[in-house]
Amino acid sequence: MTPVLEVSGLRTEFRTGAGTVPAVDGVSFSLMPGEIIGLVGESGSGKSVTGFSLLGLIDAPGQIVGGSVRLNGTELVGMAPQELRKRRGKEIAMIFQDPIATLNPLLTIGQQMEMALAAHERLGRRAAAEKSAEALARVGIPSPRERLSSYPHEFSGGMRQRAAIAIALLHRPAVVVADEPTTALDVSIQAQIIAEMKALARDYGVAMIWISHDLAVVSALASRILVMYAGRIVEEGPSARVLRDPRHPYTRGLIDSLPSATRPGEMLAQIPGSMPSLLSLPPGCAFAPRCAFASSACAARPDATAAGDRAWRCVHPLGQDRTDQKERAAS
């Protein structure tokens, strides 16, 4: 099977008065039809900028300065803006974190869906309304035809996010980038939307990139996880294996920080320190200042190590007794 999306060496920078910020630094991955991958990491790790870069939604002072993004074999990096707009929404779409910020409060849901359809298709009003109602029904909105005449403020938070997902899926795009779309929702609504997204990927072959800082959500949805830190992917592999047996200490820290990893009454675990400024990254491994296993070898920038369907960037990878690793890192 041929990948629907191939990303190779993607680099996005923001040139500011204080210096150049390498927000996305050599990101590479592929995505198969119907596959859901999770892109995880702390705030500031570069997850959202990666998603925006895939759709060419980087505004000044940001700029894609290198790499390749191929959608069904067509190169998107460097494509003329008018050509990219023809593909955006139709072949590759994005679901944003806050539907209140993306839905127009002055237009009904139906009007907004008709506008999205008109951007890529010529349909009569009745046909557009029918297709819009079908899209709302597909994401679990009851009485979809009646809901077309509702305004965003008449929907609950979960319903608004469903409407935003329905708009993104109107044209059955090959790839959907979802930027933390369930972060502001309660757990029960999260579970419903996750189940619906898995069904959409299974039934219609839509490939998805699910951006999140929540490993619990990603583990329930994605078949593969990409862990991002300071603009780079530091570990990737099948979700179950990465969560059960992580190789990078940063991945281990994210897993240990989950509330489910702590007994009732115990303090939540946390990764020491904070994400470094991308304007002044440490030499070598960017995670070294926060890592319990760091040594002088970490002063060199780690290359990717591949083993089967997994890869990581660490000179002291996990995978054996951690006490032995601390002794090895200190030597």
C-alpha atoms as a PDB file:
ATOM      1  CA  MET A   1       0.000   0.000   0.000  1.00  0.00           C
ATOM      2  CA  THR A   2       1.282   3.483  -0.914  1.00  0.00           C
ATOM      3  CA  PRO A   3       1.427   6.200   1.782  1.00  0.00           C
ATOM      4  CA  VAL A   4      -1.160   8.945   1.345  1.00  0.00           C
ATOM      5  CA  LEU A   5       1.177  11.448   3.028  1.00  0.00           C
ATOM      6  CA  GLU A   6       4.978  11.461   3.035  1.00  0.00           C
ATOM      7  CA  VAL A   7       6.834  14.048   5.107  1.00  0.00           C
ATOM      8  CA  SER A   8      10.605  14.226   4.787  1.00  0.00           C
ATOM      9  CA  GLY A   9      13.020  16.571   6.571  1.00  0.00           C
ATOM     10  CA  LEU A  10      10.357  19.239   7.160  1.00  0.00           C
ATOM     11  CA  ARG A  11      11.802  22.419   8.657  1.00  0.00           C
ATOM     12  CA  THR A  12       9.822  25.488   9.722  1.00  0.00           C
ATOM     13  CA  GLU A  13      11.449  28.572  11.237  1.00  0.00           C
ATOM     14  CA  PHE A  14      10.251  31.819  12.746  1.00  0.00           C
ATOM     15  CA  ARG A  15      12.613  34.724  12.225  1.00  0.00           C
ATOM     16  CA  THR A  16      12.253  37.203  15.084  1.00  0.00           C
ATOM     17  CA  GLY A  17      14.171  40.169  16.396  1.00  0.00           C
ATOM     18  CA  ALA A  18      15.697  37.923  19.056  1.00  0.00           C
ATOM     19  CA  GLY A  19      16.840  35.286  16.558  1.00  0.00           C
ATOM     20  CA  THR A  20      15.621  32.353  14.491  1.00  0.00           C
ATOM     21  CA  VAL A  21      13.281  29.838  16.143  1.00  0.00           C
ATOM     22  CA  PRO A  22      13.545  26.303  14.664  1.00  0.00           C
ATOM     23  CA  ALA A  23       9.972  25.295  15.526  1.00  0.00           C
ATOM     24  CA  VAL A  24      10.029  22.202  13.281  1.00  0.00           C
ATOM     25  CA  ASP A  25      13.483  20.729  12.793  1.00  0.00           C
ATOM     26  CA  GLY A  26      13.788  17.890  10.294  1.00  0.00           C
ATOM     27  CA  VAL A  27      10.502  16.070  10.903  1.00  0.00           C
ATOM     28  CA  SER A  28       9.915  12.951   8.794  1.00  0.00           C
ATOM     29  CA  PHE A  29       7.105  10.385   8.802  1.00  0.00           C
ATOM     30  CA  SER A  30       4.590   8.705   6.508  1.00  0.00           C
ATOM     31  CA  LEU A  31       0.862   8.058   6.809  1.00  0.00           C
ATOM     32  CA  MET A  32      -1.087   5.222   5.226  1.00  0.00           C
ATOM     33  CA  PRO A  33      -4.751   5.412   4.077  1.00  0.00           C
ATOM     34  CA  GLY A  34      -7.079   4.896   7.035  1.00  0.00           C
ATOM     35  CA  GLU A  35      -4.220   5.095   9.545  1.00  0.00           C
ATOM     36  CA  ILE A  36      -4.396   7.261  12.672  1.00  0.00           C
ATOM     37  CA  ILE A  37      -1.120   8.425  14.181  1.00  0.00           C
ATOM     38  CA  GLY A  38      -0.663  10.446  17.366  1.00  0.00           C
ATOM     39  CA  LEU A  39       1.757  13.369  17.585  1.00  0.00           C
ATOM     40  CA  VAL A  40       2.439  13.991  21.280  1.00  0.00           C
ATOM     41  CA  GLY A  41       4.619  16.236  23.425  1.00  0.00           C
ATOM     42  CA  GLU A  42       4.547  19.139  25.868  1.00  0.00           C
ATOM     43  CA  SER A  43       3.311  22.589  24.919  1.00  0.00           C
ATOM     44  CA  GLY A  44       5.951  24.293  22.788  1.00  0.00           C
ATOM     45  CA  SER A  45       7.338  21.056  21.369  1.00  0.00           C
ATOM     46  CA  GLY A  46       6.314  21.957  17.806  1.00  0.00           C
ATOM     47  CA  LYS A  47       3.264  19.721  17.368  1.00  0.00           C
ATOM     48  CA  SER A  48       0.796  22.354  16.174  1.00  0.00           C
ATOM     49  CA  VAL A  49       3.349  24.118  13.972  1.00  0.00           C
ATOM     50  CA  THR A  50       3.994  20.768  12.303  1.00  0.00           C
ATOM     51  CA  GLY A  51       0.272  20.409  11.609  1.00  0.00           C
ATOM     52  CA  PHE A  52      -0.025  23.944  10.243  1.00  0.00           C
ATOM     53  CA  SER A  53       3.059  23.371   8.081  1.00  0.00           C
ATOM     54  CA  LEU A  54       1.466  20.333   6.429  1.00  0.00           C
ATOM     55  CA  LEU A  55      -1.377  22.531   5.161  1.00  0.00           C
ATOM     56  CA  GLY A  56       0.834  25.525   4.307  1.00  0.00           C
ATOM     57  CA  LEU A  57      -0.806  27.643   7.023  1.00  0.00           C
ATOM     58  CA  ILE A  58       2.399  29.287   8.241  1.00  0.00           C
ATOM     59  CA  ASP A  59       2.237  33.096   8.269  1.00  0.00           C
ATOM     60  CA  ALA A  60       5.114  35.582   8.544  1.00  0.00           C
ATOM     61  CA  PRO A  61       7.471  35.703  10.344  1.00  0.00           C
ATOM     62  CA  GLY A  62       7.210  31.930   9.986  1.00  0.00           C
ATOM     63  CA  GLN A  63       8.450  30.134   6.907  1.00  0.00           C
ATOM     64  CA  ILE A  64       8.905  26.550   5.706  1.00  0.00           C
ATOM     65  CA  VAL A  65      12.618  26.528   4.888  1.00  0.00           C
ATOM     66  CA  GLY A  66      13.232  22.934   3.929  1.00  0.00           C
ATOM     67  CA  GLY A  67      11.908  19.436   3.453  1.00  0.00           C
ATOM     68  CA  SER A  68       9.074  17.837   1.551  1.00  0.00           C
ATOM     69  CA  VAL A  69       5.355  17.187   2.096  1.00  0.00           C
ATOM     70  CA  ARG A  70       3.901  14.888  -0.559  1.00  0.00           C
ATOM     71  CA  LEU A  71       0.143  14.297  -0.606  1.00  0.00           C
ATOM     72  CA  ASN A  72      -0.775  11.370  -2.854  1.00  0.00           C
ATOM     73  CA  GLY A  73       2.534  11.934  -4.642  1.00  0.00           C
ATOM     74  CA  THR A  74       2.042  15.694  -5.146  1.00  0.00           C
ATOM     75  CA  GLU A  75       4.546  18.051  -3.518  1.00  0.00           C
ATOM     76  CA  LEU A  76       2.870  20.708  -1.356  1.00  0.00           C
ATOM     77  CA  VAL A  77       5.961  22.610  -0.186  1.00  0.00           C
ATOM     78  CA  GLY A  78       6.539  25.474  -2.588  1.00  0.00           C
ATOM     79  CA  MET A  79       3.170  25.036  -4.311  1.00  0.00           C
ATOM     80  CA  ALA A  80       1.512  28.274  -5.461  1.00  0.00           C
ATOM     81  CA  PRO A  81      -0.968  29.563  -2.839  1.00  0.00           C
ATOM     82  CA  GLN A  82      -3.954  29.359  -5.198  1.00  0.00           C
ATOM     83  CA  GLU A  83      -3.136  25.729  -6.021  1.00  0.00           C
ATOM     84  CA  LEU A  84      -2.707  24.881  -2.362  1.00  0.00           C
ATOM     85  CA  ARG A  85      -6.112  26.412  -1.563  1.00  0.00           C
ATOM     86  CA  LYS A  86      -7.714  24.053  -4.084  1.00  0.00           C
ATOM     87  CA  ARG A  87      -6.404  21.081  -2.113  1.00  0.00           C
ATOM     88  CA  ARG A  88      -6.908  22.476   1.380  1.00  0.00           C
ATOM     89  CA  GLY A  89     -10.267  21.249   2.664  1.00  0.00           C
ATOM     90  CA  LYS A  90     -10.790  18.900  -0.267  1.00  0.00           C
ATOM     91  CA  GLU A  91      -7.737  16.624  -0.064  1.00  0.00           C
ATOM     92  CA  ILE A  92      -6.249  17.618   3.289  1.00  0.00           C
ATOM     93  CA  ALA A  93      -8.211  19.271   6.102  1.00  0.00           C
ATOM     94  CA  MET A  94      -7.661  20.468   9.651  1.00  0.00           C
ATOM     95  CA  ILE A  95      -9.761  20.319  12.812  1.00  0.00           C
ATOM     96  CA  PHE A  96      -8.772  23.090  15.203  1.00  0.00           C
ATOM     97  CA  GLN A  97      -8.685  22.957  18.976  1.00  0.00           C
ATOM     98  CA  ASP A  98     -11.322  25.620  19.653  1.00  0.00           C
ATOM     99  CA  PRO A  99     -14.469  25.479  17.474  1.00  0.00           C
ATOM    100  CA  ILE A 100     -15.641  28.822  18.930  1.00  0.00           C
ATOM    101  CA  ALA A 101     -12.635  30.456  17.240  1.00  0.00           C
ATOM    102  CA  THR A 102     -13.234  28.744  13.892  1.00  0.00           C
ATOM    103  CA  LEU A 103     -17.033  28.799  13.572  1.00  0.00           C
ATOM    104  CA  ASN A 104     -18.600  32.105  12.535  1.00  0.00           C
ATOM    105  CA  PRO A 105     -21.087  33.151  15.251  1.00  0.00           C
ATOM    106  CA  LEU A 106     -23.123  35.216  12.734  1.00  0.00           C
ATOM    107  CA  LEU A 107     -23.856  32.318  10.362  1.00  0.00           C
ATOM    108  CA  THR A 108     -25.856  29.160  10.908  1.00  0.00           C
ATOM    109  CA  ILE A 109     -24.087  25.816  10.832  1.00  0.00           C
ATOM    110  CA  GLY A 110     -25.827  25.072   7.542  1.00  0.00           C
ATOM    111  CA  GLN A 111     -24.621  28.312   5.937  1.00  0.00           C
ATOM    112  CA  GLN A 112     -21.058  27.593   6.983  1.00  0.00           C
ATOM    113  CA  MET A 113     -21.217  24.078   5.612  1.00  0.00           C
ATOM    114  CA  GLU A 114     -22.657  25.320   2.326  1.00  0.00           C
ATOM    115  CA  MET A 115     -19.791  27.821   2.030  1.00  0.00           C
ATOM    116  CA  ALA A 116     -17.278  25.023   2.601  1.00  0.00           C
ATOM    117  CA  LEU A 117     -18.969  22.930  -0.087  1.00  0.00           C
ATOM    118  CA  ALA A 118     -19.095  25.839  -2.548  1.00  0.00           C
ATOM    119  CA  ALA A 119     -15.325  26.285  -2.277  1.00  0.00           C
ATOM    120  CA  HIS A 120     -14.763  22.963  -4.066  1.00  0.00           C
ATOM    121  CA  GLU A 121     -18.060  21.769  -5.556  1.00  0.00           C
ATOM    122  CA  ARG A 122     -20.955  23.142  -7.571  1.00  0.00           C
ATOM    123  CA  LEU A 123     -24.112  21.971  -5.858  1.00  0.00           C
ATOM    124  CA  GLY A 124     -27.652  23.242  -5.748  1.00  0.00           C
ATOM    125  CA  ARG A 125     -28.949  24.499  -2.429  1.00  0.00           C
ATOM    126  CA  ARG A 126     -31.025  21.397  -1.783  1.00  0.00           C
ATOM    127  CA  ALA A 127     -28.134  19.042  -2.633  1.00  0.00           C
ATOM    128  CA  ALA A 128     -25.767  21.058  -0.422  1.00  0.00           C
ATOM    129  CA  ALA A 129     -28.219  20.915   2.486  1.00  0.00           C
ATOM    130  CA  GLU A 130     -28.630  17.166   2.030  1.00  0.00           C
ATOM    131  CA  LYS A 131     -24.871  16.588   1.982  1.00  0.00           C
ATOM    132  CA  SER A 132     -24.423  18.822   5.040  1.00  0.00           C
ATOM    133  CA  ALA A 133     -27.100  16.963   6.991  1.00  0.00           C
ATOM    134  CA  GLU A 134     -25.446  13.641   6.103  1.00  0.00           C
ATOM    135  CA  ALA A 135     -22.117  14.963   7.417  1.00  0.00           C
ATOM    136  CA  LEU A 136     -23.703  16.054  10.714  1.00  0.00           C
ATOM    137  CA  ALA A 137     -25.377  12.669  11.089  1.00  0.00           C
ATOM    138  CA  ARG A 138     -22.045  10.943  10.430  1.00  0.00           C
ATOM    139  CA  VAL A 139     -20.493  12.579  13.511  1.00  0.00           C
ATOM    140  CA  GLY A 140     -23.445  11.753  15.757  1.00  0.00           C
ATOM    141  CA  ILE A 141     -25.441  14.996  15.800  1.00  0.00           C
ATOM    142  CA  PRO A 142     -29.154  14.184  16.331  1.00  0.00           C
ATOM    143  CA  SER A 143     -31.842  15.718  14.110  1.00  0.00           C
ATOM    144  CA  PRO A 144     -29.181  16.883  11.619  1.00  0.00           C
ATOM    145  CA  ARG A 145     -31.550  18.575   9.153  1.00  0.00           C
ATOM    146  CA  GLU A 146     -33.076  20.715  11.872  1.00  0.00           C
ATOM    147  CA  ARG A 147     -29.639  21.522  13.290  1.00  0.00           C
ATOM    148  CA  LEU A 148     -28.511  23.097  10.019  1.00  0.00           C
ATOM    149  CA  SER A 149     -30.510  26.188  10.958  1.00  0.00           C
ATOM    150  CA  SER A 150     -28.858  26.485  14.402  1.00  0.00           C
ATOM    151  CA  TYR A 151     -26.146  28.982  15.270  1.00  0.00           C
ATOM    152  CA  PRO A 152     -22.905  27.876  16.987  1.00  0.00           C
ATOM    153  CA  HIS A 153     -23.953  29.345  20.340  1.00  0.00           C
ATOM    154  CA  GLU A 154     -26.988  27.049  20.314  1.00  0.00           C
ATOM    155  CA  PHE A 155     -24.701  24.004  20.361  1.00  0.00           C
ATOM    156  CA  SER A 156     -22.936  22.584  23.410  1.00  0.00           C
ATOM    157  CA  GLY A 157     -19.134  22.389  23.394  1.00  0.00           C
ATOM    158  CA  GLY A 158     -19.181  18.776  22.240  1.00  0.00           C
ATOM    159  CA  MET A 159     -21.753  19.511  19.533  1.00  0.00           C
ATOM    160  CA  ARG A 160     -19.708  22.456  18.238  1.00  0.00           C
ATOM    161  CA  GLN A 161     -16.652  20.248  17.958  1.00  0.00           C
ATOM    162  CA  ARG A 162     -18.699  17.623  16.145  1.00  0.00           C
ATOM    163  CA  ALA A 163     -19.881  20.313  13.714  1.00  0.00           C
ATOM    164  CA  ALA A 164     -16.283  21.406  13.131  1.00  0.00           C
ATOM    165  CA  ILE A 165     -15.311  17.781  12.452  1.00  0.00           C
ATOM    166  CA  ALA A 166     -18.258  17.422  10.060  1.00  0.00           C
ATOM    167  CA  ILE A 167     -17.122  20.502   8.111  1.00  0.00           C
ATOM    168  CA  ALA A 168     -13.584  19.128   7.879  1.00  0.00           C
ATOM    169  CA  LEU A 169     -14.927  15.822   6.536  1.00  0.00           C
ATOM    170  CA  LEU A 170     -17.421  17.272   4.037  1.00  0.00           C
ATOM    171  CA  HIS A 171     -15.242  16.454   1.026  1.00  0.00           C
ATOM    172  CA  ARG A 172     -13.965  13.148   2.428  1.00  0.00           C
ATOM    173  CA  PRO A 173     -10.336  14.384   2.420  1.00  0.00           C
ATOM    174  CA  ALA A 174      -7.516  11.866   2.233  1.00  0.00           C
ATOM    175  CA  VAL A 175      -5.826  13.340   5.335  1.00  0.00           C
ATOM    176  CA  VAL A 176      -7.222  15.129   8.393  1.00  0.00           C
ATOM    177  CA  VAL A 177      -4.960  16.935  10.868  1.00  0.00           C
ATOM    178  CA  ALA A 178      -6.704  17.202  14.252  1.00  0.00           C
ATOM    179  CA  ASP A 179      -5.074  19.751  16.573  1.00  0.00           C
ATOM    180  CA  GLU A 180      -6.114  18.761  20.123  1.00  0.00           C
ATOM    181  CA  PRO A 181      -9.826  18.764  19.209  1.00  0.00           C
ATOM    182  CA  THR A 182     -11.018  17.155  22.459  1.00  0.00           C
ATOM    183  CA  THR A 183      -8.853  19.037  24.977  1.00  0.00           C
ATOM    184  CA  ALA A 184     -11.670  21.295  26.248  1.00  0.00           C
ATOM    185  CA  LEU A 185     -14.297  18.537  26.395  1.00  0.00           C
ATOM    186  CA  ASP A 186     -15.307  16.329  29.292  1.00  0.00           C
ATOM    187  CA  VAL A 187     -14.206  12.700  29.381  1.00  0.00           C
ATOM    188  CA  SER A 188     -17.516  11.194  28.225  1.00  0.00           C
ATOM    189  CA  ILE A 189     -17.705  13.496  25.179  1.00  0.00           C
ATOM    190  CA  GLN A 190     -14.029  12.768  24.432  1.00  0.00           C
ATOM    191  CA  ALA A 191     -14.777   9.048  24.382  1.00  0.00           C
ATOM    192  CA  GLN A 192     -17.713   9.523  22.005  1.00  0.00           C
ATOM    193  CA  ILE A 193     -15.702  11.643  19.560  1.00  0.00           C
ATOM    194  CA  ILE A 194     -12.755   9.232  19.666  1.00  0.00           C
ATOM    195  CA  ALA A 195     -15.099   6.334  18.817  1.00  0.00           C
ATOM    196  CA  GLU A 196     -16.614   8.343  15.952  1.00  0.00           C
ATOM    197  CA  MET A 197     -13.203   9.303  14.546  1.00  0.00           C
ATOM    198  CA  LYS A 198     -12.040   5.679  14.605  1.00  0.00           C
ATOM    199  CA  ALA A 199     -15.202   4.652  12.778  1.00  0.00           C
ATOM    200  CA  LEU A 200     -14.694   7.379  10.141  1.00  0.00           C
ATOM    201  CA  ALA A 201     -11.128   6.229   9.526  1.00  0.00           C
ATOM    202  CA  ARG A 202     -12.249   2.606   9.298  1.00  0.00           C
ATOM    203  CA  ASP A 203     -15.346   3.162   7.136  1.00  0.00           C
ATOM    204  CA  TYR A 204     -14.075   5.868   4.774  1.00  0.00           C
ATOM    205  CA  GLY A 205     -10.308   5.344   4.726  1.00  0.00           C
ATOM    206  CA  VAL A 206      -9.578   8.839   6.072  1.00  0.00           C
ATOM    207  CA  ALA A 207      -6.013   9.063   7.428  1.00  0.00           C
ATOM    208  CA  MET A 208      -5.560  11.210  10.540  1.00  0.00           C
ATOM    209  CA  ILE A 209      -2.825  12.936  12.491  1.00  0.00           C
ATOM    210  CA  TRP A 210      -4.063  13.455  16.057  1.00  0.00           C
ATOM    211  CA  ILE A 211      -2.064  16.169  17.832  1.00  0.00           C
ATOM    212  CA  SER A 212      -2.261  16.026  21.615  1.00  0.00           C
ATOM    213  CA  HIS A 213      -0.374  16.295  24.888  1.00  0.00           C
ATOM    214  CA  ASP A 214      -2.677  13.641  26.364  1.00  0.00           C
ATOM    215  CA  LEU A 215      -1.156  10.171  26.003  1.00  0.00           C
ATOM    216  CA  ALA A 216      -4.321   8.551  27.384  1.00  0.00           C
ATOM    217  CA  VAL A 217      -6.419   9.948  24.521  1.00  0.00           C
ATOM    218  CA  VAL A 218      -3.811   9.107  21.893  1.00  0.00           C
ATOM    219  CA  SER A 219      -3.399   5.539  23.153  1.00  0.00           C
ATOM    220  CA  ALA A 220      -7.145   4.971  22.715  1.00  0.00           C
ATOM    221  CA  LEU A 221      -7.147   6.281  19.163  1.00  0.00           C
ATOM    222  CA  ALA A 222      -3.824   6.002  17.344  1.00  0.00           C
ATOM    223  CA  SER A 223      -2.121   2.880  16.048  1.00  0.00           C
ATOM    224  CA  ARG A 224       1.248   4.654  16.004  1.00  0.00           C
ATOM    225  CA  ILE A 225       2.784   7.374  18.188  1.00  0.00           C
ATOM    226  CA  LEU A 226       5.316  10.075  17.302  1.00  0.00           C
ATOM    227  CA  VAL A 227       6.836  11.771  20.360  1.00  0.00           C
ATOM    228  CA  MET A 228       8.047  15.330  19.721  1.00  0.00           C
ATOM    229  CA  TYR A 229      10.437  17.455  21.756  1.00  0.00           C
ATOM    230  CA  ALA A 230      11.951  20.855  20.878  1.00  0.00           C
ATOM    231  CA  GLY A 231      10.939  20.612  17.233  1.00  0.00           C
ATOM    232  CA  ARG A 232      12.195  17.071  16.600  1.00  0.00           C
ATOM    233  CA  ILE A 233      10.628  13.617  16.700  1.00  0.00           C
ATOM    234  CA  VAL A 234      12.553  11.785  19.426  1.00  0.00           C
ATOM    235  CA  GLU A 235      10.681   8.469  19.331  1.00  0.00           C
ATOM    236  CA  GLU A 236       8.141   6.713  17.155  1.00  0.00           C
ATOM    237  CA  GLY A 237       6.555   3.311  16.901  1.00  0.00           C
ATOM    238  CA  PRO A 238       3.361   1.299  17.426  1.00  0.00           C
ATOM    239  CA  SER A 239       1.333   2.829  20.247  1.00  0.00           C
ATOM    240  CA  ALA A 240       1.112  -0.246  22.458  1.00  0.00           C
ATOM    241  CA  ARG A 241       4.842  -0.948  22.265  1.00  0.00           C
ATOM    242  CA  VAL A 242       5.929   2.652  22.804  1.00  0.00           C
ATOM    243  CA  LEU A 243       3.692   3.007  25.874  1.00  0.00           C
ATOM    244  CA  ARG A 244       4.640  -0.373  27.287  1.00  0.00           C
ATOM    245  CA  ASP A 245       8.372  -0.209  26.567  1.00  0.00           C
ATOM    246  CA  PRO A 246       9.562   3.342  25.703  1.00  0.00           C
ATOM    247  CA  ARG A 247      13.101   3.889  24.468  1.00  0.00           C
ATOM    248  CA  HIS A 248      13.523   7.642  25.002  1.00  0.00           C
ATOM    249  CA  PRO A 249      13.685   9.005  28.589  1.00  0.00           C
ATOM    250  CA  TYR A 250      11.351  11.838  27.571  1.00  0.00           C
ATOM    251  CA  THR A 251       8.691   9.340  26.511  1.00  0.00           C
ATOM    252  CA  ARG A 252       9.145   7.556  29.835  1.00  0.00           C
ATOM    253  CA  GLY A 253       8.686  10.870  31.631  1.00  0.00           C
ATOM    254  CA  LEU A 254       5.434  11.585  29.779  1.00  0.00           C
ATOM    255  CA  ILE A 255       4.083   8.146  30.662  1.00  0.00           C
ATOM    256  CA  ASP A 256       5.092   8.454  34.312  1.00  0.00           C
ATOM    257  CA  SER A 257       3.338  11.848  34.474  1.00  0.00           C
ATOM    258  CA  LEU A 258      -0.059  10.295  33.736  1.00  0.00           C
ATOM    259  CA  PRO A 259      -2.406  10.358  36.763  1.00  0.00           C
ATOM    260  CA  SER A 260      -3.123   6.653  36.175  1.00  0.00           C
ATOM    261  CA  ALA A 261       0.554   5.901  36.918  1.00  0.00           C
ATOM    262  CA  THR A 262       0.213   7.324  40.450  1.00  0.00           C
ATOM    263  CA  ARG A 263      -1.499   5.747  43.453  1.00  0.00           C
ATOM    264  CA  PRO A 264      -4.269   7.702  45.199  1.00  0.00           C
ATOM    265  CA  GLY A 265      -2.797  10.208  47.621  1.00  0.00           C
ATOM    266  CA  GLU A 266       0.661  10.215  46.009  1.00  0.00           C
ATOM    267  CA  MET A 267       2.192  13.272  44.384  1.00  0.00           C
ATOM    268  CA  LEU A 268       1.948  13.246  40.611  1.00  0.00           C
ATOM    269  CA  ALA A 269       5.254  12.513  38.916  1.00  0.00           C
ATOM    270  CA  GLN A 270       6.702  15.203  36.698  1.00  0.00           C
ATOM    271  CA  ILE A 271       9.610  15.726  34.352  1.00  0.00           C
ATOM    272  CA  PRO A 272      12.106  18.035  36.053  1.00  0.00           C
ATOM    273  CA  GLY A 273      12.741  21.449  34.535  1.00  0.00           C
ATOM    274  CA  SER A 274      10.903  22.836  31.550  1.00  0.00           C
ATOM    275  CA  MET A 275      11.073  22.898  27.773  1.00  0.00           C
ATOM    276  CA  PRO A 276      14.138  24.936  26.693  1.00  0.00           C
ATOM    277  CA  SER A 277      13.726  28.083  24.651  1.00  0.00           C
ATOM    278  CA  LEU A 278      14.045  27.268  20.964  1.00  0.00           C
ATOM    279  CA  LEU A 279      16.140  30.431  20.668  1.00  0.00           C
ATOM    280  CA  SER A 280      18.865  28.947  22.862  1.00  0.00           C
ATOM    281  CA  LEU A 281      18.779  25.172  22.632  1.00  0.00           C
ATOM    282  CA  PRO A 282      21.561  23.300  24.425  1.00  0.00           C
ATOM    283  CA  PRO A 283      24.179  21.660  22.195  1.00  0.00           C
ATOM    284  CA  GLY A 284      23.504  18.046  21.305  1.00  0.00           C
ATOM    285  CA  CYS A 285      20.387  16.468  22.782  1.00  0.00           C
ATOM    286  CA  ALA A 286      17.841  19.147  23.716  1.00  0.00           C
ATOM    287  CA  PHE A 287      16.449  16.939  26.496  1.00  0.00           C
ATOM    288  CA  ALA A 288      19.838  16.360  28.192  1.00  0.00           C
ATOM    289  CA  PRO A 289      19.451  19.127  30.853  1.00  0.00           C
ATOM    290  CA  ARG A 290      16.292  17.401  32.139  1.00  0.00           C
ATOM    291  CA  CYS A 291      17.434  13.794  31.704  1.00  0.00           C
ATOM    292  CA  ALA A 292      18.548  11.489  34.533  1.00  0.00           C
ATOM    293  CA  PHE A 293      20.651   9.455  32.117  1.00  0.00           C
ATOM    294  CA  ALA A 294      22.543  12.330  30.453  1.00  0.00           C
ATOM    295  CA  SER A 295      26.298  12.039  30.041  1.00  0.00           C
ATOM    296  CA  SER A 296      29.081  13.736  28.081  1.00  0.00           C
ATOM    297  CA  ALA A 297      28.023  11.691  25.048  1.00  0.00           C
ATOM    298  CA  CYS A 298      24.800  13.722  24.932  1.00  0.00           C
ATOM    299  CA  ALA A 299      26.758  16.814  23.855  1.00  0.00           C
ATOM    300  CA  ALA A 300      26.572  15.448  20.297  1.00  0.00           C
ATOM    301  CA  ARG A 301      23.264  15.685  18.463  1.00  0.00           C
ATOM    302  CA  PRO A 302      21.826  12.144  18.429  1.00  0.00           C
ATOM    303  CA  ASP A 303      20.979  10.497  15.125  1.00  0.00           C
ATOM    304  CA  ALA A 304      17.900   8.321  14.732  1.00  0.00           C
ATOM    305  CA  THR A 305      18.308   4.649  15.673  1.00  0.00           C
ATOM    306  CA  ALA A 306      15.890   2.314  13.916  1.00  0.00           C
ATOM    307  CA  ALA A 307      14.913  -1.165  15.034  1.00  0.00           C
ATOM    308  CA  GLY A 308      12.125  -2.772  13.043  1.00  0.00           C
ATOM    309  CA  ASP A 309       9.020  -0.573  13.189  1.00  0.00           C
ATOM    310  CA  ARG A 310      10.482   1.667  15.926  1.00  0.00           C
ATOM    311  CA  ALA A 311      12.973   4.539  15.995  1.00  0.00           C
ATOM    312  CA  TRP A 312      14.414   6.902  18.621  1.00  0.00           C
ATOM    313  CA  ARG A 313      17.017   9.630  19.073  1.00  0.00           C
ATOM    314  CA  CYS A 314      18.972   8.868  22.242  1.00  0.00           C
ATOM    315  CA  VAL A 315      22.502   7.676  23.012  1.00  0.00           C
ATOM    316  CA  HIS A 316      21.279   6.099  26.278  1.00  0.00           C
ATOM    317  CA  PRO A 317      18.021   4.437  25.212  1.00  0.00           C
ATOM    318  CA  LEU A 318      15.857   2.685  27.776  1.00  0.00           C
ATOM    319  CA  GLY A 319      15.118  -0.981  27.516  1.00  0.00           C
ATOM    320  CA  GLN A 320      17.002  -2.561  30.386  1.00  0.00           C
ATOM    321  CA  ASP A 321      17.200  -2.095  34.142  1.00  0.00           C
ATOM    322  CA  ARG A 322      17.180   1.654  34.795  1.00  0.00           C
ATOM    323  CA  THR A 323      19.740   1.404  37.615  1.00  0.00           C
ATOM    324  CA  ASP A 324      22.194  -0.156  35.197  1.00  0.00           C
ATOM    325  CA  GLN A 325      21.478   2.642  32.749  1.00  0.00           C
ATOM    326  CA  LYS A 326      22.189   5.344  35.321  1.00  0.00           C
ATOM    327  CA  GLU A 327      25.519   3.706  36.083  1.00  0.00           C
ATOM    328  CA  ARG A 328      26.340   3.450  32.371  1.00  0.00           C
ATOM    329  CA  ALA A 329      25.364   7.092  31.744  1.00  0.00           C
ATOM    330  CA  ALA A 330      27.527   8.262  34.665  1.00  0.00           C
ATOM    331  CA  SER A 331      30.581   6.334  33.450  1.00  0.00           C
END
